[in-house]
Amino acid sequence: MTTRRTRSVAAIVTARVELKTGPLIV
């Protein structure tokens, strides 16, 4: 596991969640 990969996946997941529920993290 690479830190970059984990961060990329987390960013994508967060973006998808924000599209559905709205901004969770400011």
N, C-alpha and C. Protein backbone atom coordinates (compact mmCIF):
# COMPACT_ATOMS: atom_id res chain seq x y z
N MET A 1 0.84 -1.20 0.00
CA MET A 1 0.00 0.00 0.00
C MET A 1 0.88 1.26 0.00
N THR A 2 0.53 2.18 -0.84
CA THR A 2 1.30 3.42 -0.91
C THR A 2 0.46 4.57 -0.37
N THR A 3 1.11 5.51 0.29
CA THR A 3 0.37 6.65 0.84
C THR A 3 -0.33 7.40 -0.27
N ARG A 4 0.35 7.54 -1.42
CA ARG A 4 -0.27 8.25 -2.53
C ARG A 4 -1.54 7.57 -2.97
N ARG A 5 -1.47 6.26 -3.10
CA ARG A 5 -2.64 5.53 -3.58
C ARG A 5 -3.80 5.69 -2.60
N THR A 6 -3.50 5.54 -1.32
CA THR A 6 -4.56 5.66 -0.31
C THR A 6 -5.18 7.04 -0.35
N ARG A 7 -4.34 8.06 -0.49
CA ARG A 7 -4.87 9.44 -0.52
C ARG A 7 -5.72 9.64 -1.75
N SER A 8 -5.29 9.09 -2.88
CA SER A 8 -6.05 9.27 -4.12
C SER A 8 -7.42 8.62 -3.99
N VAL A 9 -7.43 7.40 -3.46
CA VAL A 9 -8.70 6.69 -3.30
C VAL A 9 -9.60 7.46 -2.34
N ALA A 10 -9.03 7.93 -1.25
CA ALA A 10 -9.82 8.67 -0.26
C ALA A 10 -10.40 9.94 -0.89
N ALA A 11 -9.59 10.61 -1.72
CA ALA A 11 -10.06 11.85 -2.35
C ALA A 11 -11.22 11.56 -3.29
N ILE A 12 -11.11 10.45 -4.04
CA ILE A 12 -12.17 10.10 -4.98
C ILE A 12 -13.45 9.74 -4.22
N VAL A 13 -13.30 8.95 -3.17
CA VAL A 13 -14.47 8.55 -2.39
C VAL A 13 -15.13 9.79 -1.78
N THR A 14 -14.30 10.68 -1.22
CA THR A 14 -14.85 11.89 -0.60
C THR A 14 -15.59 12.72 -1.63
N ALA A 15 -15.00 12.85 -2.83
CA ALA A 15 -15.64 13.64 -3.88
C ALA A 15 -16.99 13.05 -4.24
N ARG A 16 -17.04 11.73 -4.35
CA ARG A 16 -18.31 11.08 -4.73
C ARG A 16 -19.34 11.28 -3.63
N VAL A 17 -18.92 11.17 -2.39
CA VAL A 17 -19.86 11.36 -1.28
C VAL A 17 -20.37 12.79 -1.27
N GLU A 18 -19.48 13.74 -1.53
CA GLU A 18 -19.89 15.15 -1.52
C GLU A 18 -20.91 15.42 -2.61
N LEU A 19 -20.78 14.72 -3.74
CA LEU A 19 -21.73 14.94 -4.83
C LEU A 19 -23.13 14.51 -4.40
N LYS A 20 -23.21 13.50 -3.53
CA LYS A 20 -24.53 12.99 -3.13
C LYS A 20 -25.07 13.72 -1.91
N THR A 21 -24.24 13.89 -0.89
CA THR A 21 -24.73 14.43 0.37
C THR A 21 -24.36 15.89 0.55
N GLY A 22 -23.37 16.37 -0.19
CA GLY A 22 -22.93 17.75 -0.03
C GLY A 22 -21.60 17.77 0.70
N PRO A 23 -21.00 18.94 0.87
CA PRO A 23 -19.69 19.07 1.50
C PRO A 23 -19.74 18.63 2.96
N LEU A 24 -18.94 17.61 3.28
CA LEU A 24 -18.88 17.13 4.67
C LEU A 24 -17.68 17.73 5.37
N ILE A 25 -16.58 17.89 4.63
CA ILE A 25 -15.35 18.43 5.23
C ILE A 25 -15.07 19.79 4.61
N VAL A 26 -14.84 20.77 5.44
CA VAL A 26 -14.56 22.12 4.94
C VAL A 26 -13.06 22.34 4.87
